Amino acid sequence: MTEEKTVSTSTTGKKQRSNRVVATACFTFFIAMIGAAYASVPLYRVFCQVTGYGGTTQRVEQMSDTILDKTINIRFDANTSGALPWDFKPKQREVTIRIGETKQISYEGRSLATAPTSGRASFNVTPDRAGAYFNKVQCFCFTDTTLQPGEDIDMPVVFFVDPDIVNDPDLEDLKTITLSYTFFPIDKPQPVAQSAKPADGESSGNL
């Protein structure tokens, strides 16, 4: 009877140790996945900007040196997400440009809040495949923006559509591209309070 109890106790101890090992492994894997997810965000953004995946537009430093006779319509969309009390919209809802032609348009924002608020814009184009050919020379995307109560802001966008788009068989009938921005609220860090100066006649050193 004593041997049976000893065997039972030993088996229970092994199961408990095994369960602890499994729990530790699962916790470690969970933490690793969180770290990988955070690390992948900037890499994913770079991948999208390079390939145009998911309707992400391209960022370039120079304008196109080729302008075609073919035109295309560009529509502009604006949204705010979450508790960001801004009136955000494009100044023009649509323009028609020649493919390869550089164009500047503007979005405008106005804070409806009673305190300073901050936001950051993300963007995409539709159809998604057109993102590989939509090139932005200047943009306000991914820039932290803070508005005071009632403050207005003008946000220009300079862009062109790559002439290579006409060689893409999947986009040969494309007439319109929509550029969309969404502003999300962000928390701005509070300024660090300055240390109080010692009063006159009061030593700031140790006694």
N, C-alpha and C. Protein backbone atom coordinates (compact mmCIF):
# COMPACT_ATOMS: atom_id res chain seq x y z
N MET A 1 0.84 -1.21 0.00
CA MET A 1 0.00 0.00 0.00
C MET A 1 0.87 1.26 0.00
N THR A 2 1.97 1.19 0.77
CA THR A 2 2.89 2.33 0.85
C THR A 2 3.55 2.57 -0.48
N GLU A 3 3.92 1.48 -1.17
CA GLU A 3 4.56 1.60 -2.49
C GLU A 3 3.61 2.24 -3.49
N GLU A 4 2.31 1.87 -3.43
CA GLU A 4 1.33 2.44 -4.35
C GLU A 4 1.21 3.95 -4.13
N LYS A 5 1.21 4.38 -2.83
CA LYS A 5 1.12 5.80 -2.53
C LYS A 5 2.35 6.53 -3.04
N THR A 6 3.53 5.89 -2.89
CA THR A 6 4.77 6.51 -3.35
C THR A 6 4.77 6.70 -4.85
N VAL A 7 4.31 5.67 -5.57
CA VAL A 7 4.23 5.74 -7.03
C VAL A 7 3.24 6.81 -7.46
N SER A 8 2.09 6.86 -6.74
CA SER A 8 1.07 7.86 -7.07
C SER A 8 1.59 9.27 -6.85
N THR A 9 2.30 9.47 -5.72
CA THR A 9 2.85 10.79 -5.42
C THR A 9 3.89 11.19 -6.45
N SER A 10 4.73 10.24 -6.85
CA SER A 10 5.77 10.50 -7.85
C SER A 10 5.17 10.87 -9.19
N THR A 11 4.11 10.15 -9.58
CA THR A 11 3.43 10.42 -10.85
C THR A 11 2.80 11.81 -10.84
N THR A 12 2.17 12.16 -9.71
CA THR A 12 1.54 13.48 -9.58
C THR A 12 2.57 14.59 -9.69
N GLY A 13 3.73 14.38 -9.04
CA GLY A 13 4.79 15.38 -9.09
C GLY A 13 5.31 15.57 -10.50
N LYS A 14 5.45 14.47 -11.23
CA LYS A 14 5.91 14.56 -12.62
C LYS A 14 4.91 15.32 -13.49
N LYS A 15 3.63 15.08 -13.28
CA LYS A 15 2.60 15.77 -14.05
C LYS A 15 2.61 17.26 -13.76
N GLN A 16 2.80 17.61 -12.46
CA GLN A 16 2.83 19.03 -12.09
C GLN A 16 4.02 19.74 -12.73
N ARG A 17 5.19 19.05 -12.69
CA ARG A 17 6.38 19.64 -13.31
C ARG A 17 6.18 19.79 -14.82
N SER A 18 5.55 18.77 -15.43
CA SER A 18 5.29 18.82 -16.87
C SER A 18 4.35 19.97 -17.21
N ASN A 19 3.32 20.15 -16.38
CA ASN A 19 2.37 21.25 -16.61
C ASN A 19 3.06 22.60 -16.50
N ARG A 20 3.98 22.73 -15.51
CA ARG A 20 4.71 23.99 -15.35
C ARG A 20 5.60 24.27 -16.55
N VAL A 21 6.23 23.22 -17.07
CA VAL A 21 7.08 23.38 -18.24
C VAL A 21 6.27 23.84 -19.44
N VAL A 22 5.11 23.21 -19.64
CA VAL A 22 4.23 23.58 -20.76
C VAL A 22 3.74 25.02 -20.59
N ALA A 23 3.33 25.39 -19.38
CA ALA A 23 2.83 26.75 -19.14
C ALA A 23 3.93 27.78 -19.39
N THR A 24 5.15 27.46 -18.92
CA THR A 24 6.27 28.39 -19.14
C THR A 24 6.57 28.55 -20.63
N ALA A 25 6.54 27.44 -21.36
CA ALA A 25 6.80 27.48 -22.79
C ALA A 25 5.74 28.30 -23.52
N CYS A 26 4.49 28.11 -23.13
CA CYS A 26 3.40 28.86 -23.77
C CYS A 26 3.53 30.35 -23.49
N PHE A 27 3.87 30.69 -22.24
CA PHE A 27 4.03 32.11 -21.87
C PHE A 27 5.18 32.74 -22.65
N THR A 28 6.30 32.01 -22.75
CA THR A 28 7.45 32.51 -23.49
C THR A 28 7.12 32.72 -24.96
N PHE A 29 6.38 31.76 -25.54
CA PHE A 29 5.97 31.88 -26.95
C PHE A 29 5.06 33.08 -27.14
N PHE A 30 4.14 33.30 -26.18
CA PHE A 30 3.20 34.43 -26.26
C PHE A 30 3.96 35.76 -26.26
N ILE A 31 4.93 35.90 -25.34
CA ILE A 31 5.72 37.12 -25.26
C ILE A 31 6.52 37.32 -26.53
N ALA A 32 7.07 36.24 -27.06
CA ALA A 32 7.86 36.33 -28.30
C ALA A 32 7.00 36.79 -29.47
N MET A 33 5.77 36.31 -29.52
CA MET A 33 4.87 36.70 -30.61
C MET A 33 4.50 38.18 -30.51
N ILE A 34 4.31 38.67 -29.28
CA ILE A 34 4.02 40.10 -29.11
C ILE A 34 5.19 40.94 -29.60
N GLY A 35 6.41 40.53 -29.21
CA GLY A 35 7.59 41.26 -29.65
C GLY A 35 7.75 41.24 -31.16
N ALA A 36 7.49 40.10 -31.76
CA ALA A 36 7.59 39.98 -33.22
C ALA A 36 6.55 40.85 -33.91
N ALA A 37 5.36 40.91 -33.32
CA ALA A 37 4.30 41.73 -33.92
C ALA A 37 4.68 43.20 -33.92
N TYR A 38 5.22 43.68 -32.79
CA TYR A 38 5.63 45.09 -32.72
C TYR A 38 6.78 45.37 -33.66
N ALA A 39 7.72 44.43 -33.76
CA ALA A 39 8.87 44.64 -34.65
C ALA A 39 8.46 44.61 -36.10
N SER A 40 7.40 43.87 -36.41
CA SER A 40 6.99 43.71 -37.81
C SER A 40 6.25 44.91 -38.35
N VAL A 41 5.72 45.78 -37.46
CA VAL A 41 4.94 46.93 -37.93
C VAL A 41 5.74 47.83 -38.85
N PRO A 42 6.93 48.34 -38.44
CA PRO A 42 7.68 49.19 -39.38
C PRO A 42 8.14 48.44 -40.61
N LEU A 43 8.49 47.14 -40.45
CA LEU A 43 8.93 46.36 -41.61
C LEU A 43 7.77 46.17 -42.59
N TYR A 44 6.59 45.93 -42.05
CA TYR A 44 5.41 45.77 -42.91
C TYR A 44 5.10 47.06 -43.65
N ARG A 45 5.25 48.20 -42.94
CA ARG A 45 4.99 49.49 -43.58
C ARG A 45 5.96 49.72 -44.73
N VAL A 46 7.25 49.42 -44.49
CA VAL A 46 8.25 49.58 -45.56
C VAL A 46 7.93 48.67 -46.74
N PHE A 47 7.55 47.42 -46.44
CA PHE A 47 7.20 46.47 -47.50
C PHE A 47 6.04 47.00 -48.33
N CYS A 48 5.02 47.54 -47.66
CA CYS A 48 3.85 48.05 -48.39
C CYS A 48 4.22 49.25 -49.25
N GLN A 49 5.07 50.13 -48.72
CA GLN A 49 5.43 51.32 -49.48
C GLN A 49 6.29 50.98 -50.69
N VAL A 50 7.09 49.93 -50.58
CA VAL A 50 7.94 49.54 -51.70
C VAL A 50 7.15 48.82 -52.78
N THR A 51 6.21 47.97 -52.36
CA THR A 51 5.50 47.13 -53.31
C THR A 51 4.13 47.66 -53.70
N GLY A 52 3.56 48.57 -52.90
CA GLY A 52 2.20 49.03 -53.16
C GLY A 52 1.17 48.07 -52.64
N TYR A 53 1.60 47.06 -51.85
CA TYR A 53 0.68 46.06 -51.33
C TYR A 53 -0.39 46.71 -50.46
N GLY A 54 -1.63 46.26 -50.61
CA GLY A 54 -2.73 46.77 -49.80
C GLY A 54 -3.13 48.18 -50.13
N GLY A 55 -2.78 48.66 -51.34
CA GLY A 55 -3.16 50.00 -51.72
C GLY A 55 -2.25 51.08 -51.16
N THR A 56 -1.08 50.69 -50.66
CA THR A 56 -0.15 51.67 -50.13
C THR A 56 0.55 52.38 -51.27
N THR A 57 0.57 53.70 -51.22
CA THR A 57 1.18 54.48 -52.28
C THR A 57 2.69 54.47 -52.15
N GLN A 58 3.36 54.88 -53.23
CA GLN A 58 4.82 54.95 -53.24
C GLN A 58 5.30 56.34 -52.84
N ARG A 59 6.44 56.40 -52.16
CA ARG A 59 7.04 57.69 -51.78
C ARG A 59 8.30 57.88 -52.62
N VAL A 60 8.38 58.98 -53.37
CA VAL A 60 9.51 59.24 -54.26
C VAL A 60 10.08 60.62 -53.97
N GLU A 61 11.31 60.86 -54.44
CA GLU A 61 11.98 62.13 -54.22
C GLU A 61 11.92 63.05 -55.44
N GLN A 62 11.62 62.50 -56.60
CA GLN A 62 11.60 63.33 -57.80
C GLN A 62 10.34 63.06 -58.61
N MET A 63 10.02 64.01 -59.46
CA MET A 63 8.80 63.91 -60.26
C MET A 63 9.05 63.11 -61.54
N SER A 64 7.97 62.73 -62.20
CA SER A 64 8.08 61.97 -63.44
C SER A 64 8.57 62.87 -64.57
N ASP A 65 9.43 62.33 -65.42
CA ASP A 65 9.90 63.10 -66.59
C ASP A 65 9.15 62.70 -67.85
N THR A 66 8.10 61.87 -67.67
CA THR A 66 7.27 61.44 -68.80
C THR A 66 5.81 61.74 -68.50
N ILE A 67 5.16 62.44 -69.41
CA ILE A 67 3.74 62.75 -69.25
C ILE A 67 3.00 62.25 -70.49
N LEU A 68 2.00 61.43 -70.27
CA LEU A 68 1.24 60.84 -71.37
C LEU A 68 0.03 61.70 -71.72
N ASP A 69 -0.54 61.46 -72.88
CA ASP A 69 -1.76 62.16 -73.29
C ASP A 69 -3.00 61.58 -72.61
N LYS A 70 -2.86 60.38 -72.06
CA LYS A 70 -3.98 59.72 -71.40
C LYS A 70 -4.23 60.33 -70.02
N THR A 71 -5.50 60.55 -69.70
CA THR A 71 -5.86 61.14 -68.40
C THR A 71 -6.48 60.10 -67.48
N ILE A 72 -6.52 60.46 -66.19
CA ILE A 72 -7.13 59.60 -65.18
C ILE A 72 -7.72 60.49 -64.10
N ASN A 73 -8.82 60.05 -63.51
CA ASN A 73 -9.49 60.80 -62.44
C ASN A 73 -8.94 60.37 -61.08
N ILE A 74 -8.68 61.35 -60.22
CA ILE A 74 -8.23 61.07 -58.86
C ILE A 74 -9.26 61.64 -57.89
N ARG A 75 -9.84 60.77 -57.08
CA ARG A 75 -10.79 61.20 -56.06
C ARG A 75 -10.11 61.21 -54.70
N PHE A 76 -10.60 62.07 -53.80
CA PHE A 76 -9.99 62.24 -52.49
C PHE A 76 -11.02 62.00 -51.40
N ASP A 77 -10.60 61.20 -50.42
CA ASP A 77 -11.49 60.81 -49.32
C ASP A 77 -10.81 61.16 -48.00
N ALA A 78 -11.59 61.51 -46.99
CA ALA A 78 -11.04 61.88 -45.69
C ALA A 78 -11.91 61.31 -44.58
N ASN A 79 -11.25 60.80 -43.53
CA ASN A 79 -11.96 60.21 -42.40
C ASN A 79 -11.21 60.51 -41.10
N THR A 80 -11.92 60.52 -40.00
CA THR A 80 -11.30 60.56 -38.68
C THR A 80 -11.80 59.35 -37.90
N SER A 81 -10.91 58.80 -37.09
CA SER A 81 -11.25 57.59 -36.35
C SER A 81 -11.13 57.83 -34.86
N GLY A 82 -11.96 57.12 -34.10
CA GLY A 82 -11.89 57.24 -32.65
C GLY A 82 -12.43 58.58 -32.17
N ALA A 83 -11.91 58.99 -31.02
CA ALA A 83 -12.41 60.21 -30.38
C ALA A 83 -11.56 61.41 -30.77
N LEU A 84 -11.33 61.59 -32.07
CA LEU A 84 -10.56 62.74 -32.53
C LEU A 84 -11.53 63.78 -33.08
N PRO A 85 -11.78 64.86 -32.34
CA PRO A 85 -12.79 65.85 -32.73
C PRO A 85 -12.25 66.85 -33.76
N TRP A 86 -11.97 66.37 -34.95
CA TRP A 86 -11.48 67.22 -36.03
C TRP A 86 -12.45 67.21 -37.20
N ASP A 87 -12.54 68.35 -37.87
CA ASP A 87 -13.22 68.42 -39.15
C ASP A 87 -12.13 68.32 -40.22
N PHE A 88 -12.03 67.15 -40.83
CA PHE A 88 -10.94 66.84 -41.77
C PHE A 88 -11.53 66.49 -43.13
N LYS A 89 -11.09 67.20 -44.18
CA LYS A 89 -11.66 66.97 -45.51
C LYS A 89 -10.72 67.49 -46.60
N PRO A 90 -10.90 66.98 -47.83
CA PRO A 90 -10.11 67.51 -48.95
C PRO A 90 -10.71 68.83 -49.44
N LYS A 91 -9.86 69.72 -49.94
CA LYS A 91 -10.37 70.96 -50.51
C LYS A 91 -11.01 70.72 -51.87
N GLN A 92 -10.54 69.68 -52.55
CA GLN A 92 -11.14 69.25 -53.83
C GLN A 92 -11.52 67.79 -53.71
N ARG A 93 -12.69 67.45 -54.19
CA ARG A 93 -13.12 66.06 -54.11
C ARG A 93 -12.58 65.21 -55.27
N GLU A 94 -12.24 65.86 -56.38
CA GLU A 94 -11.79 65.09 -57.54
C GLU A 94 -11.04 66.00 -58.51
N VAL A 95 -10.00 65.47 -59.12
CA VAL A 95 -9.28 66.18 -60.18
C VAL A 95 -9.01 65.19 -61.32
N THR A 96 -8.86 65.74 -62.51
CA THR A 96 -8.47 64.93 -63.67
C THR A 96 -7.09 65.38 -64.11
N ILE A 97 -6.15 64.44 -64.17
CA ILE A 97 -4.78 64.77 -64.52
C ILE A 97 -4.30 63.86 -65.64
N ARG A 98 -3.25 64.29 -66.32
CA ARG A 98 -2.60 63.42 -67.30
C ARG A 98 -1.68 62.45 -66.56
N ILE A 99 -1.59 61.24 -67.01
CA ILE A 99 -0.74 60.25 -66.38
C ILE A 99 0.72 60.68 -66.50
N GLY A 100 1.41 60.78 -65.37
CA GLY A 100 2.78 61.27 -65.32
C GLY A 100 2.87 62.72 -64.90
N GLU A 101 1.75 63.44 -64.94
CA GLU A 101 1.72 64.85 -64.55
C GLU A 101 1.75 64.99 -63.03
N THR A 102 2.59 65.89 -62.53
CA THR A 102 2.66 66.14 -61.10
C THR A 102 1.58 67.15 -60.70
N LYS A 103 0.86 66.81 -59.64
CA LYS A 103 -0.26 67.64 -59.20
C LYS A 103 -0.19 67.87 -57.69
N GLN A 104 -0.55 69.07 -57.27
CA GLN A 104 -0.64 69.37 -55.84
C GLN A 104 -2.10 69.67 -55.47
N ILE A 105 -2.56 69.01 -54.42
CA ILE A 105 -3.89 69.29 -53.87
C ILE A 105 -3.70 69.48 -52.36
N SER A 106 -4.75 69.82 -51.66
CA SER A 106 -4.63 70.04 -50.22
C SER A 106 -5.83 69.45 -49.48
N TYR A 107 -5.53 68.94 -48.30
CA TYR A 107 -6.55 68.61 -47.32
C TYR A 107 -6.53 69.71 -46.26
N GLU A 108 -7.64 69.86 -45.56
CA GLU A 108 -7.70 70.85 -44.49
C GLU A 108 -8.30 70.23 -43.24
N GLY A 109 -7.80 70.67 -42.11
CA GLY A 109 -8.30 70.17 -40.84
C GLY A 109 -8.59 71.31 -39.88
N ARG A 110 -9.56 71.10 -39.02
CA ARG A 110 -9.91 72.10 -38.01
C ARG A 110 -10.28 71.37 -36.72
N SER A 111 -9.69 71.81 -35.63
CA SER A 111 -9.98 71.19 -34.34
C SER A 111 -11.30 71.72 -33.78
N LEU A 112 -12.17 70.81 -33.38
CA LEU A 112 -13.44 71.16 -32.75
C LEU A 112 -13.38 70.96 -31.24
N ALA A 113 -12.18 70.66 -30.74
CA ALA A 113 -12.01 70.35 -29.32
C ALA A 113 -11.82 71.61 -28.49
N THR A 114 -11.91 71.46 -27.19
CA THR A 114 -11.69 72.58 -26.26
C THR A 114 -10.32 72.50 -25.60
N ALA A 115 -9.51 71.53 -26.04
CA ALA A 115 -8.15 71.36 -25.52
C ALA A 115 -7.27 70.90 -26.68
N PRO A 116 -5.96 71.01 -26.56
CA PRO A 116 -5.08 70.54 -27.64
C PRO A 116 -5.29 69.04 -27.90
N THR A 117 -5.32 68.66 -29.17
CA THR A 117 -5.48 67.27 -29.56
C THR A 117 -4.46 66.93 -30.64
N SER A 118 -4.07 65.67 -30.69
CA SER A 118 -3.05 65.24 -31.64
C SER A 118 -3.54 64.04 -32.45
N GLY A 119 -3.10 63.98 -33.71
CA GLY A 119 -3.49 62.88 -34.58
C GLY A 119 -2.38 62.51 -35.55
N ARG A 120 -2.52 61.33 -36.12
CA ARG A 120 -1.58 60.85 -37.13
C ARG A 120 -2.39 60.19 -38.24
N ALA A 121 -2.04 60.48 -39.49
CA ALA A 121 -2.82 59.99 -40.63
C ALA A 121 -2.17 58.77 -41.28
N SER A 122 -2.99 57.81 -41.62
CA SER A 122 -2.58 56.71 -42.49
C SER A 122 -3.29 56.89 -43.82
N PHE A 123 -2.91 56.10 -44.82
CA PHE A 123 -3.47 56.32 -46.15
C PHE A 123 -3.51 55.03 -46.94
N ASN A 124 -4.28 55.04 -48.01
CA ASN A 124 -4.25 53.96 -48.99
C ASN A 124 -4.96 54.44 -50.25
N VAL A 125 -4.80 53.69 -51.33
CA VAL A 125 -5.52 54.00 -52.56
C VAL A 125 -6.32 52.78 -52.99
N THR A 126 -7.39 53.04 -53.71
CA THR A 126 -8.17 51.96 -54.31
C THR A 126 -8.36 52.27 -55.80
N PRO A 127 -8.30 51.24 -56.62
CA PRO A 127 -8.08 49.83 -56.28
C PRO A 127 -6.67 49.60 -55.74
N ASP A 128 -6.54 48.53 -54.92
CA ASP A 128 -5.27 48.24 -54.26
C ASP A 128 -4.09 48.17 -55.23
N ARG A 129 -4.31 47.56 -56.37
CA ARG A 129 -3.20 47.35 -57.31
C ARG A 129 -2.63 48.67 -57.82
N ALA A 130 -3.43 49.71 -57.82
CA ALA A 130 -2.97 51.01 -58.29
C ALA A 130 -1.97 51.65 -57.34
N GLY A 131 -1.89 51.13 -56.11
CA GLY A 131 -0.95 51.68 -55.14
C GLY A 131 0.49 51.63 -55.61
N ALA A 132 0.83 50.65 -56.43
CA ALA A 132 2.19 50.51 -56.93
C ALA A 132 2.56 51.61 -57.92
N TYR A 133 1.56 52.33 -58.44
CA TYR A 133 1.80 53.34 -59.48
C TYR A 133 1.46 54.76 -58.99
N PHE A 134 0.93 54.87 -57.79
CA PHE A 134 0.56 56.19 -57.25
C PHE A 134 1.74 56.70 -56.43
N ASN A 135 2.43 57.71 -56.93
CA ASN A 135 3.65 58.21 -56.30
C ASN A 135 3.43 59.56 -55.63
N LYS A 136 3.83 59.64 -54.36
CA LYS A 136 3.71 60.89 -53.62
C LYS A 136 5.09 61.52 -53.43
N VAL A 137 5.20 62.78 -53.83
CA VAL A 137 6.43 63.54 -53.65
C VAL A 137 6.41 64.24 -52.30
N GLN A 138 5.23 64.66 -51.86
CA GLN A 138 5.06 65.33 -50.57
C GLN A 138 3.76 64.86 -49.95
N CYS A 139 3.80 64.62 -48.63
CA CYS A 139 2.63 64.06 -47.96
C CYS A 139 2.70 64.34 -46.47
N PHE A 140 1.55 64.39 -45.80
CA PHE A 140 1.49 64.61 -44.36
C PHE A 140 1.27 63.32 -43.59
N CYS A 141 1.27 62.19 -44.28
CA CYS A 141 0.98 60.91 -43.65
C CYS A 141 2.08 60.51 -42.65
N PHE A 142 1.66 59.82 -41.59
CA PHE A 142 2.55 59.31 -40.55
C PHE A 142 3.30 60.42 -39.83
N THR A 143 2.80 61.66 -39.91
CA THR A 143 3.40 62.78 -39.19
C THR A 143 2.48 63.16 -38.03
N ASP A 144 3.05 63.23 -36.84
CA ASP A 144 2.23 63.62 -35.68
C ASP A 144 1.84 65.09 -35.80
N THR A 145 0.56 65.34 -35.69
CA THR A 145 0.02 66.70 -35.85
C THR A 145 -0.78 67.08 -34.61
N THR A 146 -0.48 68.23 -34.03
CA THR A 146 -1.20 68.72 -32.86
C THR A 146 -1.91 70.02 -33.21
N LEU A 147 -3.19 70.08 -32.90
CA LEU A 147 -3.99 71.28 -33.15
C LEU A 147 -4.49 71.85 -31.82
N GLN A 148 -4.41 73.17 -31.72
CA GLN A 148 -4.99 73.86 -30.57
C GLN A 148 -6.49 74.01 -30.80
N PRO A 149 -7.26 74.29 -29.76
CA PRO A 149 -8.71 74.46 -29.93
C PRO A 149 -9.05 75.48 -31.01
N GLY A 150 -9.83 75.08 -31.99
CA GLY A 150 -10.24 75.97 -33.07
C GLY A 150 -9.19 76.22 -34.13
N GLU A 151 -8.03 75.59 -34.02
CA GLU A 151 -6.94 75.84 -34.98
C GLU A 151 -7.21 75.15 -36.32
N ASP A 152 -6.85 75.84 -37.41
CA ASP A 152 -6.95 75.29 -38.76
C ASP A 152 -5.57 74.90 -39.26
N ILE A 153 -5.54 73.92 -40.17
CA ILE A 153 -4.28 73.50 -40.75
C ILE A 153 -4.49 73.12 -42.21
N ASP A 154 -3.53 73.48 -43.05
CA ASP A 154 -3.56 73.12 -44.46
C ASP A 154 -2.51 72.03 -44.69
N MET A 155 -2.91 70.94 -45.34
CA MET A 155 -2.02 69.79 -45.52
C MET A 155 -1.91 69.43 -47.01
N PRO A 156 -0.86 69.89 -47.67
CA PRO A 156 -0.71 69.64 -49.11
C PRO A 156 -0.24 68.21 -49.41
N VAL A 157 -0.61 67.74 -50.57
CA VAL A 157 -0.15 66.46 -51.10
C VAL A 157 0.30 66.69 -52.54
N VAL A 158 1.52 66.29 -52.86
CA VAL A 158 2.05 66.40 -54.22
C VAL A 158 2.24 64.98 -54.75
N PHE A 159 1.68 64.68 -55.91
CA PHE A 159 1.68 63.30 -56.39
C PHE A 159 1.67 63.25 -57.92
N PHE A 160 1.91 62.06 -58.44
CA PHE A 160 1.70 61.77 -59.86
C PHE A 160 1.45 60.27 -60.02
N VAL A 161 0.85 59.91 -61.13
CA VAL A 161 0.59 58.50 -61.44
C VAL A 161 1.66 58.03 -62.42
N ASP A 162 2.37 56.98 -62.05
CA ASP A 162 3.46 56.45 -62.87
C ASP A 162 2.95 56.03 -64.25
N PRO A 163 3.61 56.50 -65.31
CA PRO A 163 3.18 56.12 -66.67
C PRO A 163 3.19 54.62 -66.92
N ASP A 164 3.95 53.85 -66.13
CA ASP A 164 3.97 52.40 -66.31
C ASP A 164 2.63 51.75 -66.03
N ILE A 165 1.69 52.50 -65.45
CA ILE A 165 0.38 51.94 -65.15
C ILE A 165 -0.34 51.49 -66.42
N VAL A 166 -0.04 52.15 -67.54
CA VAL A 166 -0.72 51.79 -68.79
C VAL A 166 -0.25 50.44 -69.33
N ASN A 167 0.86 49.93 -68.79
CA ASN A 167 1.38 48.64 -69.24
C ASN A 167 0.90 47.48 -68.37
N ASP A 168 0.09 47.78 -67.36
CA ASP A 168 -0.44 46.75 -66.48
C ASP A 168 -1.77 46.27 -67.05
N PRO A 169 -1.84 45.03 -67.53
CA PRO A 169 -3.08 44.54 -68.15
C PRO A 169 -4.27 44.50 -67.19
N ASP A 170 -4.00 44.41 -65.89
CA ASP A 170 -5.10 44.38 -64.92
C ASP A 170 -5.70 45.75 -64.67
N LEU A 171 -5.03 46.82 -65.14
CA LEU A 171 -5.51 48.18 -64.91
C LEU A 171 -5.76 48.94 -66.21
N GLU A 172 -5.81 48.22 -67.32
CA GLU A 172 -5.95 48.89 -68.60
C GLU A 172 -7.27 49.64 -68.75
N ASP A 173 -8.31 49.24 -68.02
CA ASP A 173 -9.61 49.92 -68.10
C ASP A 173 -9.84 50.85 -66.91
N LEU A 174 -8.81 51.08 -66.12
CA LEU A 174 -8.97 51.91 -64.92
C LEU A 174 -9.20 53.37 -65.30
N LYS A 175 -10.24 53.96 -64.76
CA LYS A 175 -10.58 55.36 -65.04
C LYS A 175 -10.39 56.26 -63.82
N THR A 176 -10.51 55.66 -62.60
CA THR A 176 -10.47 56.48 -61.38
C THR A 176 -9.66 55.79 -60.29
N ILE A 177 -8.84 56.57 -59.61
CA ILE A 177 -8.12 56.13 -58.42
C ILE A 177 -8.59 56.98 -57.24
N THR A 178 -8.85 56.34 -56.11
CA THR A 178 -9.26 57.07 -54.91
C THR A 178 -8.14 57.07 -53.89
N LEU A 179 -7.74 58.26 -53.46
CA LEU A 179 -6.73 58.42 -52.40
C LEU A 179 -7.47 58.73 -51.10
N SER A 180 -7.25 57.91 -50.09
CA SER A 180 -7.99 58.05 -48.84
C SER A 180 -7.04 58.21 -47.66
N TYR A 181 -7.35 59.16 -46.78
CA TYR A 181 -6.60 59.38 -45.54
C TYR A 181 -7.53 59.20 -44.36
N THR A 182 -6.99 58.62 -43.30
CA THR A 182 -7.72 58.51 -42.04
C THR A 182 -6.84 59.00 -40.91
N PHE A 183 -7.33 59.95 -40.13
CA PHE A 183 -6.60 60.46 -38.97
C PHE A 183 -7.02 59.69 -37.72
N PHE A 184 -6.01 59.21 -36.97
CA PHE A 184 -6.24 58.50 -35.72
C PHE A 184 -5.72 59.34 -34.57
N PRO A 185 -6.40 59.34 -33.42
CA PRO A 185 -5.91 60.10 -32.27
C PRO A 185 -4.67 59.46 -31.68
N ILE A 186 -3.75 60.28 -31.20
CA ILE A 186 -2.55 59.79 -30.51
C ILE A 186 -2.37 60.61 -29.24
N ASP A 187 -1.64 60.03 -28.30
CA ASP A 187 -1.33 60.72 -27.06
C ASP A 187 0.05 61.34 -27.18
N LYS A 188 0.13 62.64 -26.96
CA LYS A 188 1.41 63.33 -26.98
C LYS A 188 2.00 63.31 -25.58
N PRO A 189 3.31 63.07 -25.45
CA PRO A 189 3.94 63.06 -24.12
C PRO A 189 3.87 64.43 -23.46
N GLN A 190 3.63 64.44 -22.18
CA GLN A 190 3.56 65.69 -21.43
C GLN A 190 4.97 66.22 -21.17
N PRO A 191 5.17 67.54 -21.24
CA PRO A 191 6.50 68.10 -20.97
C PRO A 191 6.93 67.83 -19.54
N VAL A 192 8.22 67.56 -19.35
CA VAL A 192 8.74 67.28 -18.02
C VAL A 192 8.81 68.59 -17.24
N ALA A 193 8.24 68.59 -16.05
CA ALA A 193 8.23 69.81 -15.23
C ALA A 193 9.64 70.16 -14.79
N GLN A 194 9.97 71.43 -14.83
CA GLN A 194 11.28 71.87 -14.41
C GLN A 194 11.38 71.82 -12.89
N SER A 195 12.58 71.50 -12.42
CA SER A 195 12.79 71.43 -10.98
C SER A 195 12.64 72.82 -10.37
N ALA A 196 12.02 72.90 -9.22
CA ALA A 196 11.82 74.19 -8.56
C ALA A 196 13.16 74.76 -8.11
N LYS A 197 13.33 76.05 -8.34
CA LYS A 197 14.57 76.71 -7.94
C LYS A 197 14.55 76.95 -6.43
N PRO A 198 15.69 76.79 -5.79
CA PRO A 198 15.71 77.03 -4.33
C PRO A 198 15.47 78.49 -4.03
N ALA A 199 14.81 78.77 -2.92
CA ALA A 199 14.51 80.14 -2.53
C ALA A 199 15.79 80.85 -2.13
N ASP A 200 15.75 82.19 -2.16
CA ASP A 200 16.91 82.98 -1.79
C ASP A 200 17.36 82.64 -0.38
N GLY A 201 18.67 82.46 -0.24
CA GLY A 201 19.22 82.16 1.06
C GLY A 201 19.11 80.70 1.43
N GLU A 202 18.50 79.90 0.55
CA GLU A 202 18.32 78.47 0.84
C GLU A 202 19.32 77.68 0.04
N SER A 203 20.07 76.86 0.67
CA SER A 203 21.11 76.08 -0.01
C SER A 203 20.49 74.91 -0.72
N SER A 204 21.01 74.64 -1.96
CA SER A 204 20.52 73.49 -2.71
C SER A 204 21.38 72.27 -2.48
N GLY A 205 22.47 72.42 -1.71
CA GLY A 205 23.34 71.28 -1.45
C GLY A 205 22.96 70.55 -0.20
N ASN A 206 23.69 69.49 0.08
CA ASN A 206 23.45 68.71 1.29
C ASN A 206 24.10 69.39 2.48
N LEU A 207 23.50 69.25 3.64
CA LEU A 207 24.08 69.83 4.86
C LEU A 207 25.23 69.00 5.32
